[in-house]
């Protein structure tokens, strides 16, 4: 989609990485999230499922989980190109 028709500028988006300590897939996902968000000027945050019972109950089998604007985008492996498209389309 052309940037002229994008609903929200990328900088107004929010990426959330749901993870837990000691998770190598989470570490890999964070590298991708940090890179894409830095390139596009998008805010991102991380949440630890060991500190949030609701997140734990919802996502414990899928971590790492990436949300874009609160909606689940992916889990386990984060594809850089796919995340970039989700934030710019």
Protein backbone atom coordinates (compact mmCIF):
# COMPACT_ATOMS: atom_id res chain seq x y z
CA UNK A 1 0.00 0.00 0.00
CA UNK A 2 1.23 3.45 -0.80
CA UNK A 3 2.43 5.48 2.21
CA UNK A 4 -0.08 8.14 1.15
CA UNK A 5 -2.93 5.82 2.09
CA UNK A 6 -1.46 4.42 5.31
CA UNK A 7 -3.88 4.71 8.21
CA UNK A 8 -1.32 5.68 10.83
CA UNK A 9 2.21 6.95 10.46
CA UNK A 10 4.65 4.27 11.65
CA UNK A 11 5.83 6.44 14.53
CA UNK A 12 2.32 6.28 16.04
CA UNK A 13 2.40 2.48 16.15
CA UNK A 14 3.35 0.35 19.15
CA UNK A 15 5.09 -3.00 19.06
CA UNK A 16 4.94 -5.16 22.19
CA UNK A 17 7.31 -8.06 22.73
CA UNK A 18 6.00 -10.57 25.24
CA UNK A 19 8.86 -12.65 26.59
CA UNK A 20 10.41 -14.34 29.59
CA UNK A 21 13.92 -14.33 31.03
CA UNK A 22 16.35 -16.96 29.76
CA UNK A 23 14.45 -17.55 26.50
CA UNK A 24 16.84 -17.62 23.52
CA UNK A 25 13.99 -17.23 21.03
CA UNK A 26 12.92 -14.13 22.97
CA UNK A 27 16.44 -12.72 22.70
CA UNK A 28 16.41 -13.35 18.93
CA UNK A 29 12.99 -11.72 18.61
CA UNK A 30 14.13 -8.67 20.55
CA UNK A 31 17.02 -8.10 18.14
CA UNK A 32 14.58 -8.03 15.20
CA UNK A 33 12.03 -5.85 16.99
CA UNK A 34 14.69 -3.35 18.08
CA UNK A 35 16.13 -3.11 14.56
CA UNK A 36 12.83 -2.68 12.73
CA UNK A 37 11.44 -0.22 15.27
CA UNK A 38 14.64 1.84 15.25
CA UNK A 39 14.67 1.94 11.44
CA UNK A 40 11.04 3.11 11.31
CA UNK A 41 10.93 5.27 14.42
CA UNK A 42 8.28 3.05 16.01
CA UNK A 43 7.86 2.75 19.78
CA UNK A 44 8.23 -0.68 21.30
CA UNK A 45 7.96 -2.20 24.74
CA UNK A 46 8.56 -5.55 26.32
CA UNK A 47 6.48 -7.41 28.85
CA UNK A 48 7.59 -10.35 30.97
CA UNK A 49 5.09 -13.21 31.27
CA UNK A 50 6.60 -14.18 34.62
CA UNK A 51 5.37 -10.85 36.04
CA UNK A 52 1.86 -10.86 34.56
CA UNK A 53 -0.48 -13.79 35.23
CA UNK A 54 -2.92 -12.79 32.48
CA UNK A 55 -0.17 -12.65 29.83
CA UNK A 56 1.25 -15.92 31.15
CA UNK A 57 -2.10 -17.68 30.88
CA UNK A 58 -2.72 -16.33 27.37
CA UNK A 59 0.72 -16.72 25.78
CA UNK A 60 2.90 -19.15 27.77
CA UNK A 61 2.98 -21.74 24.96
CA UNK A 62 3.73 -19.18 22.25
CA UNK A 63 6.49 -16.93 23.58
CA UNK A 64 8.00 -14.87 22.26
CA UNK A 65 4.87 -13.14 21.03
CA UNK A 66 4.85 -9.87 19.11
CA UNK A 67 1.81 -7.60 19.18
CA UNK A 68 1.35 -4.68 16.81
CA UNK A 69 -0.98 -2.06 18.26
CA UNK A 70 -2.30 -4.67 20.70
CA UNK A 71 -3.12 -7.33 18.08
CA UNK A 72 -1.07 -10.51 17.83
CA UNK A 73 1.31 -10.29 14.89
CA UNK A 74 3.45 -13.41 15.35
CA UNK A 75 4.94 -15.86 17.81
CA UNK A 76 8.10 -17.99 18.20
CA UNK A 77 10.05 -16.49 15.28
CA UNK A 78 9.89 -12.88 14.11
CA UNK A 79 10.40 -12.25 10.41
CA UNK A 80 11.99 -8.84 9.90
CA UNK A 81 10.38 -8.17 6.51
CA UNK A 82 6.93 -9.24 7.67
CA UNK A 83 7.12 -7.00 10.76
CA UNK A 84 8.35 -4.09 8.66
CA UNK A 85 5.42 -4.55 6.22
CA UNK A 86 2.93 -4.72 9.10
CA UNK A 87 4.20 -1.39 10.38
CA UNK A 88 4.27 0.41 7.02
CA UNK A 89 1.26 -1.00 5.12
